[in-house]
């Protein structure tokens, strides 16, 4: 009787494994194909240049290159310490990557000072709370890679985001 129970259990496990494999590894399932091809597109985001003029972020995106959006806060220690690395990354990739800094701040003078002292020689904009919430910021800094059509290529958050960006470039360029 014990042998029969063991055989029955093995058959059940085998059957369950086959069903699981069919569900997760069959590519002709239209729902799986749809999930594979779904991309996240950034919503319309209004930012402000350092002269207080409102701009749609999509107007700053390059159609011909990867766009890297570095979203930072001046009160963020990781953002402040990573700024020098952002400048170096920009310097090495500026011919093939469009960098845009988005400061979560309303203090334009403080942002200008931060840009100058960190040698961040790329376009910077200010982003407010309403528009930052559209990006779903959970930790600072946020580094987004988007194509010219605002399709998300990658999203890195927090104190390891700069390391993740370096890793991305080493694998993809």
C-alpha atoms as a PDB file:
ATOM      1  CA  UNK A   1       0.000   0.000   0.000  1.00  0.00           C
ATOM      2  CA  UNK A   2       2.896   2.377   0.853  1.00  0.00           C
ATOM      3  CA  UNK A   3       4.419   1.736  -2.590  1.00  0.00           C
ATOM      4  CA  UNK A   4       1.126   2.585  -4.282  1.00  0.00           C
ATOM      5  CA  UNK A   5       0.886   5.892  -2.366  1.00  0.00           C
ATOM      6  CA  UNK A   6       4.461   6.769  -3.349  1.00  0.00           C
ATOM      7  CA  UNK A   7       3.794   6.013  -7.015  1.00  0.00           C
ATOM      8  CA  UNK A   8       0.570   8.074  -6.900  1.00  0.00           C
ATOM      9  CA  UNK A   9       2.441  10.995  -5.306  1.00  0.00           C
ATOM     10  CA  UNK A  10       5.169  10.824  -7.971  1.00  0.00           C
ATOM     11  CA  UNK A  11       2.582  10.822 -10.769  1.00  0.00           C
ATOM     12  CA  UNK A  12       0.833  13.845  -9.225  1.00  0.00           C
ATOM     13  CA  UNK A  13       4.131  15.724  -8.926  1.00  0.00           C
ATOM     14  CA  UNK A  14       5.057  14.875 -12.507  1.00  0.00           C
ATOM     15  CA  UNK A  15       1.651  16.009 -13.761  1.00  0.00           C
ATOM     16  CA  UNK A  16       1.899  19.259 -11.762  1.00  0.00           C
ATOM     17  CA  UNK A  17       5.385  19.889 -13.175  1.00  0.00           C
ATOM     18  CA  UNK A  18       4.185  19.417 -16.753  1.00  0.00           C
ATOM     19  CA  UNK A  19       1.274  21.823 -16.206  1.00  0.00           C
ATOM     20  CA  UNK A  20       3.585  24.412 -14.607  1.00  0.00           C
ATOM     21  CA  UNK A  21       6.081  24.103 -17.449  1.00  0.00           C
ATOM     22  CA  UNK A  22       3.334  24.555 -20.046  1.00  0.00           C
ATOM     23  CA  UNK A  23       2.044  27.666 -18.295  1.00  0.00           C
ATOM     24  CA  UNK A  24       5.401  29.365 -17.819  1.00  0.00           C
ATOM     25  CA  UNK A  25       7.514  28.217 -20.739  1.00  0.00           C
ATOM     26  CA  UNK A  26       5.100  27.964 -23.658  1.00  0.00           C
ATOM     27  CA  UNK A  27       5.563  31.021 -25.832  1.00  0.00           C
ATOM     28  CA  UNK A  28       2.460  30.650 -27.957  1.00  0.00           C
ATOM     29  CA  UNK A  29       0.294  31.748 -25.030  1.00  0.00           C
ATOM     30  CA  UNK A  30      -0.960  35.207 -26.169  1.00  0.00           C
ATOM     31  CA  UNK A  31      -1.028  36.577 -22.605  1.00  0.00           C
ATOM     32  CA  UNK A  32       2.637  35.708 -22.086  1.00  0.00           C
ATOM     33  CA  UNK A  33       3.576  37.252 -25.432  1.00  0.00           C
ATOM     34  CA  UNK A  34       1.633  40.391 -24.551  1.00  0.00           C
ATOM     35  CA  UNK A  35       3.438  40.670 -21.205  1.00  0.00           C
ATOM     36  CA  UNK A  36       6.823  40.265 -22.923  1.00  0.00           C
ATOM     37  CA  UNK A  37       6.145  43.105 -25.357  1.00  0.00           C
ATOM     38  CA  UNK A  38       4.543  45.567 -22.934  1.00  0.00           C
ATOM     39  CA  UNK A  39       6.770  48.569 -22.327  1.00  0.00           C
ATOM     40  CA  UNK A  40       6.473  51.342 -19.816  1.00  0.00           C
ATOM     41  CA  UNK A  41       6.296  54.809 -21.307  1.00  0.00           C
ATOM     42  CA  UNK A  42       6.920  57.875 -19.205  1.00  0.00           C
ATOM     43  CA  UNK A  43       3.817  60.009 -18.800  1.00  0.00           C
ATOM     44  CA  UNK A  44       3.780  63.653 -19.789  1.00  0.00           C
ATOM     45  CA  UNK A  45       6.009  65.416 -17.270  1.00  0.00           C
ATOM     46  CA  UNK A  46       6.328  69.156 -16.884  1.00  0.00           C
ATOM     47  CA  UNK A  47       9.707  70.399 -15.689  1.00  0.00           C
ATOM     48  CA  UNK A  48      11.126  73.885 -15.307  1.00  0.00           C
ATOM     49  CA  UNK A  49      14.342  75.270 -16.687  1.00  0.00           C
ATOM     50  CA  UNK A  50      16.584  77.332 -14.444  1.00  0.00           C
ATOM     51  CA  UNK A  51      14.858  80.479 -15.694  1.00  0.00           C
ATOM     52  CA  UNK A  52      11.489  79.209 -14.329  1.00  0.00           C
ATOM     53  CA  UNK A  53       9.959  78.413 -17.722  1.00  0.00           C
ATOM     54  CA  UNK A  54       7.754  75.325 -17.940  1.00  0.00           C
ATOM     55  CA  UNK A  55       8.887  72.680 -20.445  1.00  0.00           C
ATOM     56  CA  UNK A  56       7.563  69.256 -21.361  1.00  0.00           C
ATOM     57  CA  UNK A  57      10.320  66.763 -20.533  1.00  0.00           C
ATOM     58  CA  UNK A  58       9.781  64.943 -23.828  1.00  0.00           C
ATOM     59  CA  UNK A  59      11.023  68.088 -25.629  1.00  0.00           C
ATOM     60  CA  UNK A  60      14.459  67.509 -24.040  1.00  0.00           C
ATOM     61  CA  UNK A  61      14.757  63.888 -25.141  1.00  0.00           C
ATOM     62  CA  UNK A  62      17.065  62.947 -27.975  1.00  0.00           C
ATOM     63  CA  UNK A  63      15.471  60.813 -30.673  1.00  0.00           C
ATOM     64  CA  UNK A  64      18.859  59.459 -31.777  1.00  0.00           C
ATOM     65  CA  UNK A  65      20.434  58.460 -28.476  1.00  0.00           C
ATOM     66  CA  UNK A  66      19.722  56.880 -25.131  1.00  0.00           C
ATOM     67  CA  UNK A  67      18.529  59.498 -22.676  1.00  0.00           C
ATOM     68  CA  UNK A  68      19.671  59.230 -19.071  1.00  0.00           C
ATOM     69  CA  UNK A  69      17.575  61.131 -16.561  1.00  0.00           C
ATOM     70  CA  UNK A  70      19.266  61.643 -13.209  1.00  0.00           C
ATOM     71  CA  UNK A  71      16.665  62.679 -10.666  1.00  0.00           C
ATOM     72  CA  UNK A  72      18.191  63.987  -7.474  1.00  0.00           C
ATOM     73  CA  UNK A  73      17.455  65.970  -4.325  1.00  0.00           C
ATOM     74  CA  UNK A  74      19.897  68.437  -2.816  1.00  0.00           C
ATOM     75  CA  UNK A  75      19.268  66.999   0.657  1.00  0.00           C
ATOM     76  CA  UNK A  76      20.239  63.486  -0.470  1.00  0.00           C
ATOM     77  CA  UNK A  77      23.689  62.385   0.697  1.00  0.00           C
ATOM     78  CA  UNK A  78      23.993  59.727  -2.030  1.00  0.00           C
ATOM     79  CA  UNK A  79      23.099  62.320  -4.650  1.00  0.00           C
ATOM     80  CA  UNK A  80      25.734  64.739  -3.422  1.00  0.00           C
ATOM     81  CA  UNK A  81      28.449  62.090  -3.167  1.00  0.00           C
ATOM     82  CA  UNK A  82      27.591  60.554  -6.573  1.00  0.00           C
ATOM     83  CA  UNK A  83      27.577  63.872  -8.444  1.00  0.00           C
ATOM     84  CA  UNK A  84      31.304  63.664  -9.210  1.00  0.00           C
ATOM     85  CA  UNK A  85      30.792  60.176 -10.677  1.00  0.00           C
ATOM     86  CA  UNK A  86      27.855  61.444 -12.759  1.00  0.00           C
ATOM     87  CA  UNK A  87      30.148  64.114 -14.188  1.00  0.00           C
ATOM     88  CA  UNK A  88      32.762  61.476 -15.102  1.00  0.00           C
ATOM     89  CA  UNK A  89      30.167  59.166 -16.654  1.00  0.00           C
ATOM     90  CA  UNK A  90      28.769  62.078 -18.650  1.00  0.00           C
ATOM     91  CA  UNK A  91      32.231  63.045 -19.838  1.00  0.00           C
ATOM     92  CA  UNK A  92      32.911  59.535 -21.141  1.00  0.00           C
ATOM     93  CA  UNK A  93      29.464  59.056 -22.763  1.00  0.00           C
ATOM     94  CA  UNK A  94      28.413  62.549 -23.836  1.00  0.00           C
ATOM     95  CA  UNK A  95      28.840  61.787 -27.552  1.00  0.00           C
ATOM     96  CA  UNK A  96      26.402  58.873 -27.481  1.00  0.00           C
ATOM     97  CA  UNK A  97      24.119  59.518 -24.485  1.00  0.00           C
ATOM     98  CA  UNK A  98      21.887  62.493 -23.708  1.00  0.00           C
ATOM     99  CA  UNK A  99      22.067  63.310 -19.983  1.00  0.00           C
ATOM    100  CA  UNK A 100      19.424  65.397 -18.219  1.00  0.00           C
ATOM    101  CA  UNK A 101      19.494  66.259 -14.537  1.00  0.00           C
ATOM    102  CA  UNK A 102      16.167  66.706 -12.763  1.00  0.00           C
ATOM    103  CA  UNK A 103      16.513  68.456  -9.416  1.00  0.00           C
ATOM    104  CA  UNK A 104      13.708  67.910  -6.926  1.00  0.00           C
ATOM    105  CA  UNK A 105      13.948  71.442  -5.621  1.00  0.00           C
ATOM    106  CA  UNK A 106      12.430  74.871  -5.982  1.00  0.00           C
ATOM    107  CA  UNK A 107      15.655  76.634  -4.978  1.00  0.00           C
ATOM    108  CA  UNK A 108      17.132  77.514  -8.364  1.00  0.00           C
ATOM    109  CA  UNK A 109      20.210  79.193  -6.919  1.00  0.00           C
ATOM    110  CA  UNK A 110      21.069  76.160  -4.784  1.00  0.00           C
ATOM    111  CA  UNK A 111      20.667  73.918  -7.831  1.00  0.00           C
ATOM    112  CA  UNK A 112      22.895  76.204  -9.911  1.00  0.00           C
ATOM    113  CA  UNK A 113      25.556  76.103  -7.188  1.00  0.00           C
ATOM    114  CA  UNK A 114      25.332  72.302  -6.977  1.00  0.00           C
ATOM    115  CA  UNK A 115      25.706  71.996 -10.770  1.00  0.00           C
ATOM    116  CA  UNK A 116      28.753  74.281 -10.811  1.00  0.00           C
ATOM    117  CA  UNK A 117      30.549  72.776  -7.822  1.00  0.00           C
ATOM    118  CA  UNK A 118      29.959  69.226  -9.092  1.00  0.00           C
ATOM    119  CA  UNK A 119      30.968  70.052 -12.691  1.00  0.00           C
ATOM    120  CA  UNK A 120      27.732  68.575 -14.027  1.00  0.00           C
ATOM    121  CA  UNK A 121      28.055  69.850 -17.574  1.00  0.00           C
ATOM    122  CA  UNK A 122      24.683  68.738 -18.933  1.00  0.00           C
ATOM    123  CA  UNK A 123      21.142  70.108 -19.065  1.00  0.00           C
ATOM    124  CA  UNK A 124      19.340  70.434 -15.727  1.00  0.00           C
ATOM    125  CA  UNK A 125      15.697  71.001 -14.980  1.00  0.00           C
ATOM    126  CA  UNK A 126      13.630  71.357 -11.817  1.00  0.00           C
ATOM    127  CA  UNK A 127      10.876  68.869 -11.088  1.00  0.00           C
ATOM    128  CA  UNK A 128       8.082  69.432  -8.594  1.00  0.00           C
ATOM    129  CA  UNK A 129       6.353  66.937  -6.312  1.00  0.00           C
ATOM    130  CA  UNK A 130       3.359  66.433  -8.602  1.00  0.00           C
ATOM    131  CA  UNK A 131       5.487  65.489 -11.622  1.00  0.00           C
ATOM    132  CA  UNK A 132       8.004  63.516  -9.555  1.00  0.00           C
ATOM    133  CA  UNK A 133       5.137  61.366  -8.261  1.00  0.00           C
ATOM    134  CA  UNK A 134       4.390  60.373 -11.862  1.00  0.00           C
ATOM    135  CA  UNK A 135       7.781  58.645 -11.913  1.00  0.00           C
ATOM    136  CA  UNK A 136       7.067  56.845  -8.611  1.00  0.00           C
ATOM    137  CA  UNK A 137      10.160  57.862  -6.707  1.00  0.00           C
ATOM    138  CA  UNK A 138      10.855  55.586  -3.757  1.00  0.00           C
ATOM    139  CA  UNK A 139      14.488  56.456  -3.050  1.00  0.00           C
ATOM    140  CA  UNK A 140      17.093  59.001  -4.146  1.00  0.00           C
ATOM    141  CA  UNK A 141      18.690  59.267  -6.622  1.00  0.00           C
ATOM    142  CA  UNK A 142      16.650  57.789  -9.454  1.00  0.00           C
ATOM    143  CA  UNK A 143      18.380  57.111 -12.753  1.00  0.00           C
ATOM    144  CA  UNK A 144      16.136  56.408 -15.722  1.00  0.00           C
ATOM    145  CA  UNK A 145      17.119  55.383 -19.202  1.00  0.00           C
ATOM    146  CA  UNK A 146      14.582  56.225 -21.886  1.00  0.00           C
ATOM    147  CA  UNK A 147      14.563  56.198 -25.639  1.00  0.00           C
ATOM    148  CA  UNK A 148      13.441  59.115 -27.802  1.00  0.00           C
ATOM    149  CA  UNK A 149       9.819  57.955 -27.585  1.00  0.00           C
ATOM    150  CA  UNK A 150       9.856  58.053 -23.763  1.00  0.00           C
ATOM    151  CA  UNK A 151       9.942  54.246 -23.476  1.00  0.00           C
ATOM    152  CA  UNK A 152      11.669  53.147 -20.294  1.00  0.00           C
ATOM    153  CA  UNK A 153      14.899  51.212 -20.863  1.00  0.00           C
ATOM    154  CA  UNK A 154      15.934  50.966 -17.211  1.00  0.00           C
ATOM    155  CA  UNK A 155      15.223  52.400 -13.766  1.00  0.00           C
ATOM    156  CA  UNK A 156      17.746  52.396 -10.925  1.00  0.00           C
ATOM    157  CA  UNK A 157      16.913  53.713  -7.466  1.00  0.00           C
ATOM    158  CA  UNK A 158      18.850  54.566  -4.355  1.00  0.00           C
ATOM    159  CA  UNK A 159      22.479  54.559  -3.367  1.00  0.00           C
ATOM    160  CA  UNK A 160      23.417  51.768  -5.829  1.00  0.00           C
ATOM    161  CA  UNK A 161      21.846  53.492  -8.832  1.00  0.00           C
ATOM    162  CA  UNK A 162      25.115  54.984 -10.101  1.00  0.00           C
ATOM    163  CA  UNK A 163      26.858  51.587  -9.865  1.00  0.00           C
ATOM    164  CA  UNK A 164      23.932  50.078 -11.798  1.00  0.00           C
ATOM    165  CA  UNK A 165      24.283  52.747 -14.495  1.00  0.00           C
ATOM    166  CA  UNK A 166      28.005  52.012 -14.858  1.00  0.00           C
ATOM    167  CA  UNK A 167      27.199  48.305 -15.110  1.00  0.00           C
ATOM    168  CA  UNK A 168      24.523  48.974 -17.756  1.00  0.00           C
ATOM    169  CA  UNK A 169      26.973  50.959 -19.901  1.00  0.00           C
ATOM    170  CA  UNK A 170      29.695  48.332 -19.553  1.00  0.00           C
ATOM    171  CA  UNK A 171      27.297  45.660 -20.855  1.00  0.00           C
ATOM    172  CA  UNK A 172      25.521  47.730 -23.529  1.00  0.00           C
ATOM    173  CA  UNK A 173      28.138  50.059 -25.029  1.00  0.00           C
END
